[in-house]
Amino acid sequence: MALFGTIVNGVCIIAGSFIGMFFSNIPERYKETVMNGVGLAVILIGMQMALSTETIIIVLLSLLTGAIIGEWLKLEAGLNKLGEWIGNTFSRSSSDDASVAQGFVTASLVFVIGAMSVVGALDGGLRNSHEVLLIKGVLDGFVALVLTTTLGFGVLFSVIPVVLYQGVIALLATQIKDWIPEQVLNGFIVELTAVGGLIIVAIGLNLLNITSIRIGNLLPSIVTVGVIYGVYVLF
């Protein structure tokens, strides 16, 4: 079953979010320190991923083209509006809306952007192997717990983009081996991991309130890296 790992990953996020809700009333100073710890860990993960690149120019061009497309499409604004809609729908007061939106957007980006999402989904589709996504599910569950204690129940709704994103990759992977050589696929994953890693570093910097990077507008880089890597391989 190609989607087994993705489904388990989603269940872990839901479970972690629900558990985190029971700890949402801890003092603010604890939340602040915990969030700082999460931000530092996220930066470390992103740096490890970013350093995996074998061709830095592919990463640079992917981020530049992705940023242009993202700004043109105003993806960050769209994500925030979606988060605000969720907040308006499920929160009891307008003061909670921003927190719900931040929880949804931040958690979605943390869980979706990363090597394990892509590699795990590809493994599920290509080889019916779910070990990577099962491990990711456990990690995501703990991260969801921590994020929920600081950002609120908006984190719970991040399960929707995670399941959709990984599910689509897994289903496409069942056919991908027929038209993309394994060597090219492996090279693409390396560069995709590096691009995703830099975006994850940006998430960590935002969590620490060091920067206010419009991360949503960088998301097209995850797509443009495939196009740029394909051109690189051909020429």
C-alpha atoms as a PDB file:
ATOM      1  CA  MET A   1       0.000   0.000   0.000  1.00  0.00           C
ATOM      2  CA  ALA A   2       1.770   3.134  -1.266  1.00  0.00           C
ATOM      3  CA  LEU A   3       0.001   5.484   1.164  1.00  0.00           C
ATOM      4  CA  PHE A   4       0.511   3.514   4.381  1.00  0.00           C
ATOM      5  CA  GLY A   5       3.493   5.573   5.590  1.00  0.00           C
ATOM      6  CA  THR A   6       1.757   8.851   4.766  1.00  0.00           C
ATOM      7  CA  ILE A   7      -1.359   7.836   6.696  1.00  0.00           C
ATOM      8  CA  VAL A   8       0.688   6.838   9.750  1.00  0.00           C
ATOM      9  CA  ASN A   9       2.576  10.151   9.521  1.00  0.00           C
ATOM     10  CA  GLY A  10      -0.729  12.021   9.571  1.00  0.00           C
ATOM     11  CA  VAL A  11      -2.004  10.044  12.562  1.00  0.00           C
ATOM     12  CA  CYS A  12       1.186  10.844  14.495  1.00  0.00           C
ATOM     13  CA  ILE A  13       0.775  14.581  13.840  1.00  0.00           C
ATOM     14  CA  ILE A  14      -2.832  14.453  15.029  1.00  0.00           C
ATOM     15  CA  ALA A  15      -1.870  12.510  18.155  1.00  0.00           C
ATOM     16  CA  GLY A  16       1.018  14.858  18.972  1.00  0.00           C
ATOM     17  CA  SER A  17      -1.201  17.911  18.485  1.00  0.00           C
ATOM     18  CA  PHE A  18      -3.917  16.579  20.784  1.00  0.00           C
ATOM     19  CA  ILE A  19      -1.387  15.744  23.494  1.00  0.00           C
ATOM     20  CA  GLY A  20       0.164  19.201  23.112  1.00  0.00           C
ATOM     21  CA  MET A  21      -3.205  20.837  23.786  1.00  0.00           C
ATOM     22  CA  PHE A  22      -3.100  19.516  27.348  1.00  0.00           C
ATOM     23  CA  PHE A  23       0.128  21.453  27.951  1.00  0.00           C
ATOM     24  CA  SER A  24      -0.948  24.703  26.294  1.00  0.00           C
ATOM     25  CA  ASN A  25      -1.480  26.481  29.636  1.00  0.00           C
ATOM     26  CA  ILE A  26       2.138  26.348  30.766  1.00  0.00           C
ATOM     27  CA  PRO A  27       3.738  29.731  31.636  1.00  0.00           C
ATOM     28  CA  GLU A  28       4.825  31.958  28.735  1.00  0.00           C
ATOM     29  CA  ARG A  29       8.491  31.905  29.715  1.00  0.00           C
ATOM     30  CA  TYR A  30       8.522  28.110  29.308  1.00  0.00           C
ATOM     31  CA  LYS A  31       6.853  28.407  25.913  1.00  0.00           C
ATOM     32  CA  GLU A  32       9.361  31.027  24.783  1.00  0.00           C
ATOM     33  CA  THR A  33      12.356  28.942  25.812  1.00  0.00           C
ATOM     34  CA  VAL A  34      10.912  25.785  24.257  1.00  0.00           C
ATOM     35  CA  MET A  35      10.239  27.641  20.997  1.00  0.00           C
ATOM     36  CA  ASN A  36      13.823  28.922  20.987  1.00  0.00           C
ATOM     37  CA  GLY A  37      15.022  25.361  21.358  1.00  0.00           C
ATOM     38  CA  VAL A  38      12.797  24.218  18.503  1.00  0.00           C
ATOM     39  CA  GLY A  39      14.043  27.080  16.330  1.00  0.00           C
ATOM     40  CA  LEU A  40      17.684  26.156  16.956  1.00  0.00           C
ATOM     41  CA  ALA A  41      17.009  22.485  16.196  1.00  0.00           C
ATOM     42  CA  VAL A  42      15.176  23.404  12.988  1.00  0.00           C
ATOM     43  CA  ILE A  43      18.159  25.520  11.858  1.00  0.00           C
ATOM     44  CA  LEU A  44      20.540  22.619  12.525  1.00  0.00           C
ATOM     45  CA  ILE A  45      18.375  20.213  10.522  1.00  0.00           C
ATOM     46  CA  GLY A  46      18.155  22.697   7.661  1.00  0.00           C
ATOM     47  CA  MET A  47      21.917  23.303   7.573  1.00  0.00           C
ATOM     48  CA  GLN A  48      22.647  19.576   7.478  1.00  0.00           C
ATOM     49  CA  MET A  49      20.283  19.211   4.537  1.00  0.00           C
ATOM     50  CA  ALA A  50      21.568  22.298   2.705  1.00  0.00           C
ATOM     51  CA  LEU A  51      25.171  21.102   2.868  1.00  0.00           C
ATOM     52  CA  SER A  52      24.268  17.962   0.914  1.00  0.00           C
ATOM     53  CA  THR A  53      24.238  19.859  -2.402  1.00  0.00           C
ATOM     54  CA  GLU A  54      26.663  18.798  -5.109  1.00  0.00           C
ATOM     55  CA  THR A  55      26.000  21.774  -7.417  1.00  0.00           C
ATOM     56  CA  ILE A  56      25.449  25.039  -5.569  1.00  0.00           C
ATOM     57  CA  ILE A  57      24.409  26.927  -8.709  1.00  0.00           C
ATOM     58  CA  ILE A  58      21.323  24.690  -9.006  1.00  0.00           C
ATOM     59  CA  VAL A  59      20.319  25.607  -5.459  1.00  0.00           C
ATOM     60  CA  LEU A  60      20.906  29.318  -6.094  1.00  0.00           C
ATOM     61  CA  LEU A  61      18.956  29.413  -9.366  1.00  0.00           C
ATOM     62  CA  SER A  62      16.132  27.365  -7.833  1.00  0.00           C
ATOM     63  CA  LEU A  63      15.729  29.791  -4.930  1.00  0.00           C
ATOM     64  CA  LEU A  64      15.932  32.852  -7.197  1.00  0.00           C
ATOM     65  CA  THR A  65      13.362  31.606  -9.697  1.00  0.00           C
ATOM     66  CA  GLY A  66      11.174  30.190  -6.944  1.00  0.00           C
ATOM     67  CA  ALA A  67      11.214  33.489  -5.059  1.00  0.00           C
ATOM     68  CA  ILE A  68      10.183  35.423  -8.176  1.00  0.00           C
ATOM     69  CA  ILE A  69       7.313  33.037  -8.869  1.00  0.00           C
ATOM     70  CA  GLY A  70       6.240  33.004  -5.225  1.00  0.00           C
ATOM     71  CA  GLU A  71       6.186  36.792  -4.993  1.00  0.00           C
ATOM     72  CA  TRP A  72       4.212  36.995  -8.242  1.00  0.00           C
ATOM     73  CA  LEU A  73       1.657  34.456  -7.015  1.00  0.00           C
ATOM     74  CA  LYS A  74       1.658  35.961  -3.489  1.00  0.00           C
ATOM     75  CA  LEU A  75       1.761  32.488  -1.939  1.00  0.00           C
ATOM     76  CA  GLU A  76       2.662  33.770   1.528  1.00  0.00           C
ATOM     77  CA  ALA A  77      -0.464  35.928   1.589  1.00  0.00           C
ATOM     78  CA  GLY A  78      -2.537  32.978   0.393  1.00  0.00           C
ATOM     79  CA  LEU A  79      -1.192  30.725   3.132  1.00  0.00           C
ATOM     80  CA  ASN A  80      -1.895  33.362   5.750  1.00  0.00           C
ATOM     81  CA  LYS A  81      -5.430  33.840   4.472  1.00  0.00           C
ATOM     82  CA  LEU A  82      -6.008  30.084   4.635  1.00  0.00           C
ATOM     83  CA  GLY A  83      -4.666  30.067   8.178  1.00  0.00           C
ATOM     84  CA  GLU A  84      -6.884  33.004   9.114  1.00  0.00           C
ATOM     85  CA  TRP A  85      -9.906  31.240   7.626  1.00  0.00           C
ATOM     86  CA  ILE A  86      -9.145  28.220   9.771  1.00  0.00           C
ATOM     87  CA  GLY A  87      -8.783  30.534  12.763  1.00  0.00           C
ATOM     88  CA  ASN A  88     -12.093  32.258  12.039  1.00  0.00           C
ATOM     89  CA  THR A  89     -13.817  28.918  11.631  1.00  0.00           C
ATOM     90  CA  PHE A  90     -12.495  27.100  14.678  1.00  0.00           C
ATOM     91  CA  SER A  91     -11.465  29.743  17.234  1.00  0.00           C
ATOM     92  CA  ARG A  92     -13.868  31.408  19.616  1.00  0.00           C
ATOM     93  CA  SER A  93     -12.338  34.884  19.587  1.00  0.00           C
ATOM     94  CA  SER A  94     -10.655  37.031  16.979  1.00  0.00           C
ATOM     95  CA  SER A  95      -7.573  37.324  19.206  1.00  0.00           C
ATOM     96  CA  ASP A  96      -6.912  33.610  18.661  1.00  0.00           C
ATOM     97  CA  ASP A  97      -7.040  33.855  14.856  1.00  0.00           C
ATOM     98  CA  ALA A  98      -3.444  34.999  14.399  1.00  0.00           C
ATOM     99  CA  SER A  99      -2.154  32.241  16.672  1.00  0.00           C
ATOM    100  CA  VAL A 100      -4.124  29.576  14.808  1.00  0.00           C
ATOM    101  CA  ALA A 101      -2.884  30.887  11.457  1.00  0.00           C
ATOM    102  CA  GLN A 102       0.730  30.959  12.658  1.00  0.00           C
ATOM    103  CA  GLY A 103       0.468  27.433  14.043  1.00  0.00           C
ATOM    104  CA  PHE A 104      -1.006  26.087  10.821  1.00  0.00           C
ATOM    105  CA  VAL A 105       1.468  27.798   8.484  1.00  0.00           C
ATOM    106  CA  THR A 106       4.577  27.153  10.581  1.00  0.00           C
ATOM    107  CA  ALA A 107       3.797  23.487  11.238  1.00  0.00           C
ATOM    108  CA  SER A 108       2.833  22.864   7.602  1.00  0.00           C
ATOM    109  CA  LEU A 109       6.127  24.265   6.379  1.00  0.00           C
ATOM    110  CA  VAL A 110       8.189  22.362   8.965  1.00  0.00           C
ATOM    111  CA  PHE A 111       6.494  19.026   8.220  1.00  0.00           C
ATOM    112  CA  VAL A 112       6.258  19.343   4.431  1.00  0.00           C
ATOM    113  CA  ILE A 113       9.632  20.839   3.490  1.00  0.00           C
ATOM    114  CA  GLY A 114      12.319  18.255   3.989  1.00  0.00           C
ATOM    115  CA  ALA A 115      14.145  15.308   2.557  1.00  0.00           C
ATOM    116  CA  MET A 116      12.232  12.748   4.579  1.00  0.00           C
ATOM    117  CA  SER A 117       8.903  13.856   3.085  1.00  0.00           C
ATOM    118  CA  VAL A 118      10.113  13.346  -0.479  1.00  0.00           C
ATOM    119  CA  VAL A 119      12.371  10.333   0.045  1.00  0.00           C
ATOM    120  CA  GLY A 120       9.842   8.605   2.288  1.00  0.00           C
ATOM    121  CA  ALA A 121       6.968   9.155  -0.142  1.00  0.00           C
ATOM    122  CA  LEU A 122       9.125   7.965  -3.067  1.00  0.00           C
ATOM    123  CA  ASP A 123      10.114   4.842  -1.128  1.00  0.00           C
ATOM    124  CA  GLY A 124       6.475   4.148  -0.418  1.00  0.00           C
ATOM    125  CA  GLY A 125       5.523   4.453  -4.075  1.00  0.00           C
ATOM    126  CA  LEU A 126       8.578   2.878  -5.693  1.00  0.00           C
ATOM    127  CA  ARG A 127       9.433   0.083  -3.278  1.00  0.00           C
ATOM    128  CA  ASN A 128       6.414  -0.129  -0.962  1.00  0.00           C
ATOM    129  CA  SER A 129       8.856   0.617   1.868  1.00  0.00           C
ATOM    130  CA  HIS A 130       7.559   2.863   4.643  1.00  0.00           C
ATOM    131  CA  GLU A 131      10.416   2.918   7.152  1.00  0.00           C
ATOM    132  CA  VAL A 132      11.424   6.534   6.403  1.00  0.00           C
ATOM    133  CA  LEU A 133       7.891   7.899   6.784  1.00  0.00           C
ATOM    134  CA  LEU A 134       7.298   5.856   9.935  1.00  0.00           C
ATOM    135  CA  ILE A 135      10.393   7.431  11.499  1.00  0.00           C
ATOM    136  CA  LYS A 136       9.304  10.857  10.213  1.00  0.00           C
ATOM    137  CA  GLY A 137       5.870  10.260  11.713  1.00  0.00           C
ATOM    138  CA  VAL A 138       7.332   9.716  15.182  1.00  0.00           C
ATOM    139  CA  LEU A 139       9.517  12.833  14.852  1.00  0.00           C
ATOM    140  CA  ASP A 140       6.627  14.915  13.518  1.00  0.00           C
ATOM    141  CA  GLY A 141       4.446  13.739  16.383  1.00  0.00           C
ATOM    142  CA  PHE A 142       6.914  15.052  18.970  1.00  0.00           C
ATOM    143  CA  VAL A 143       7.427  18.303  17.057  1.00  0.00           C
ATOM    144  CA  ALA A 144       3.637  18.737  16.751  1.00  0.00           C
ATOM    145  CA  LEU A 145       3.347  18.275  20.508  1.00  0.00           C
ATOM    146  CA  VAL A 146       5.926  21.003  21.195  1.00  0.00           C
ATOM    147  CA  LEU A 147       4.566  23.400  18.563  1.00  0.00           C
ATOM    148  CA  THR A 148       1.013  22.976  19.844  1.00  0.00           C
ATOM    149  CA  THR A 149       2.033  23.971  23.365  1.00  0.00           C
ATOM    150  CA  THR A 150       3.420  27.246  22.002  1.00  0.00           C
ATOM    151  CA  LEU A 151       1.425  28.006  18.821  1.00  0.00           C
ATOM    152  CA  GLY A 152      -1.930  26.440  19.669  1.00  0.00           C
ATOM    153  CA  PHE A 153      -4.270  23.986  17.969  1.00  0.00           C
ATOM    154  CA  GLY A 154      -3.678  25.449  14.488  1.00  0.00           C
ATOM    155  CA  VAL A 155      -0.810  22.948  14.307  1.00  0.00           C
ATOM    156  CA  LEU A 156      -3.375  20.150  14.086  1.00  0.00           C
ATOM    157  CA  PHE A 157      -4.581  21.317  10.668  1.00  0.00           C
ATOM    158  CA  SER A 158      -1.089  20.973   9.179  1.00  0.00           C
ATOM    159  CA  VAL A 159      -1.918  17.291   8.748  1.00  0.00           C
ATOM    160  CA  ILE A 160      -3.964  18.199   5.653  1.00  0.00           C
ATOM    161  CA  PRO A 161      -1.127  19.579   3.460  1.00  0.00           C
ATOM    162  CA  VAL A 162       1.252  16.899   4.777  1.00  0.00           C
ATOM    163  CA  VAL A 163      -1.017  14.029   3.742  1.00  0.00           C
ATOM    164  CA  LEU A 164      -1.880  15.628   0.398  1.00  0.00           C
ATOM    165  CA  TYR A 165       1.751  16.461  -0.458  1.00  0.00           C
ATOM    166  CA  GLN A 166       3.252  13.112   0.503  1.00  0.00           C
ATOM    167  CA  GLY A 167       0.288  11.187  -0.853  1.00  0.00           C
ATOM    168  CA  VAL A 168       0.569  12.754  -4.301  1.00  0.00           C
ATOM    169  CA  ILE A 169       4.320  12.052  -4.421  1.00  0.00           C
ATOM    170  CA  ALA A 170       3.773   8.433  -3.363  1.00  0.00           C
ATOM    171  CA  LEU A 171       1.107   7.867  -5.998  1.00  0.00           C
ATOM    172  CA  LEU A 172       3.195   9.500  -8.733  1.00  0.00           C
ATOM    173  CA  ALA A 173       6.194   7.433  -7.655  1.00  0.00           C
ATOM    174  CA  THR A 174       4.363   4.244  -8.555  1.00  0.00           C
ATOM    175  CA  GLN A 175       4.764   5.325 -12.202  1.00  0.00           C
ATOM    176  CA  ILE A 176       7.900   7.466 -12.072  1.00  0.00           C
ATOM    177  CA  LYS A 177      10.418   4.624 -12.360  1.00  0.00           C
ATOM    178  CA  ASP A 178       9.177   3.913 -15.883  1.00  0.00           C
ATOM    179  CA  TRP A 179      10.308   7.294 -17.269  1.00  0.00           C
ATOM    180  CA  ILE A 180      13.070   8.694 -14.997  1.00  0.00           C
ATOM    181  CA  PRO A 181      16.425   6.861 -14.601  1.00  0.00           C
ATOM    182  CA  GLU A 182      17.317   6.042 -11.008  1.00  0.00           C
ATOM    183  CA  GLN A 183      20.619   7.958 -11.179  1.00  0.00           C
ATOM    184  CA  VAL A 184      18.854  11.142 -12.317  1.00  0.00           C
ATOM    185  CA  LEU A 185      16.201  10.704  -9.634  1.00  0.00           C
ATOM    186  CA  ASN A 186      18.835  10.317  -6.918  1.00  0.00           C
ATOM    187  CA  GLY A 187      20.661  13.451  -8.100  1.00  0.00           C
ATOM    188  CA  PHE A 188      17.423  15.407  -8.107  1.00  0.00           C
ATOM    189  CA  ILE A 189      16.653  14.316  -4.542  1.00  0.00           C
ATOM    190  CA  VAL A 190      20.080  15.580  -3.400  1.00  0.00           C
ATOM    191  CA  GLU A 191      19.510  19.059  -4.824  1.00  0.00           C
ATOM    192  CA  LEU A 192      15.888  19.136  -3.659  1.00  0.00           C
ATOM    193  CA  THR A 193      17.120  18.273  -0.172  1.00  0.00           C
ATOM    194  CA  ALA A 194      19.573  21.181  -0.261  1.00  0.00           C
ATOM    195  CA  VAL A 195      16.932  23.677  -1.416  1.00  0.00           C
ATOM    196  CA  GLY A 196      14.498  22.429   1.215  1.00  0.00           C
ATOM    197  CA  GLY A 197      17.242  22.657   3.813  1.00  0.00           C
ATOM    198  CA  LEU A 198      17.806  26.365   3.187  1.00  0.00           C
ATOM    199  CA  ILE A 199      14.079  27.010   3.431  1.00  0.00           C
ATOM    200  CA  ILE A 200      14.025  25.115   6.736  1.00  0.00           C
ATOM    201  CA  VAL A 201      16.894  27.318   7.987  1.00  0.00           C
ATOM    202  CA  ALA A 202      14.696  30.309   7.154  1.00  0.00           C
ATOM    203  CA  ILE A 203      11.852  28.762   9.173  1.00  0.00           C
ATOM    204  CA  GLY A 204      14.180  28.395  12.158  1.00  0.00           C
ATOM    205  CA  LEU A 205      15.336  32.005  11.892  1.00  0.00           C
ATOM    206  CA  ASN A 206      11.709  33.159  11.828  1.00  0.00           C
ATOM    207  CA  LEU A 207      10.876  31.019  14.852  1.00  0.00           C
ATOM    208  CA  LEU A 208      13.694  32.767  16.734  1.00  0.00           C
ATOM    209  CA  ASN A 209      12.304  36.157  15.595  1.00  0.00           C
ATOM    210  CA  ILE A 210      15.648  36.960  13.982  1.00  0.00           C
ATOM    211  CA  THR A 211      14.121  37.460  10.527  1.00  0.00           C
ATOM    212  CA  SER A 212      10.722  37.837   8.893  1.00  0.00           C
ATOM    213  CA  ILE A 213      11.386  35.901   5.697  1.00  0.00           C
ATOM    214  CA  ARG A 214       8.317  35.275   3.526  1.00  0.00           C
ATOM    215  CA  ILE A 215       8.892  31.545   3.424  1.00  0.00           C
ATOM    216  CA  GLY A 216       5.676  30.795   1.569  1.00  0.00           C
ATOM    217  CA  ASN A 217       6.970  32.778  -1.391  1.00  0.00           C
ATOM    218  CA  LEU A 218      10.038  30.531  -1.553  1.00  0.00           C
ATOM    219  CA  LEU A 219       8.002  27.332  -1.905  1.00  0.00           C
ATOM    220  CA  PRO A 220       8.035  27.301  -5.751  1.00  0.00           C
ATOM    221  CA  SER A 221      11.778  26.604  -5.413  1.00  0.00           C
ATOM    222  CA  ILE A 222      10.834  23.014  -4.606  1.00  0.00           C
ATOM    223  CA  VAL A 223       9.347  22.781  -8.108  1.00  0.00           C
ATOM    224  CA  THR A 224      11.843  24.905 -10.031  1.00  0.00           C
ATOM    225  CA  VAL A 225      14.741  22.812  -8.723  1.00  0.00           C
ATOM    226  CA  GLY A 226      13.351  19.896 -10.729  1.00  0.00           C
ATOM    227  CA  VAL A 227      13.230  21.940 -13.930  1.00  0.00           C
ATOM    228  CA  ILE A 228      16.689  23.433 -13.416  1.00  0.00           C
ATOM    229  CA  TYR A 229      18.211  20.066 -12.516  1.00  0.00           C
ATOM    230  CA  GLY A 230      16.625  18.532 -15.607  1.00  0.00           C
ATOM    231  CA  VAL A 231      18.200  21.239 -17.819  1.00  0.00           C
ATOM    232  CA  TYR A 232      21.532  20.702 -16.025  1.00  0.00           C
ATOM    233  CA  VAL A 233      21.440  16.965 -16.737  1.00  0.00           C
ATOM    234  CA  LEU A 234      20.568  17.490 -20.405  1.00  0.00           C
ATOM    235  CA  PHE A 235      23.290  20.056 -21.095  1.00  0.00           C
END
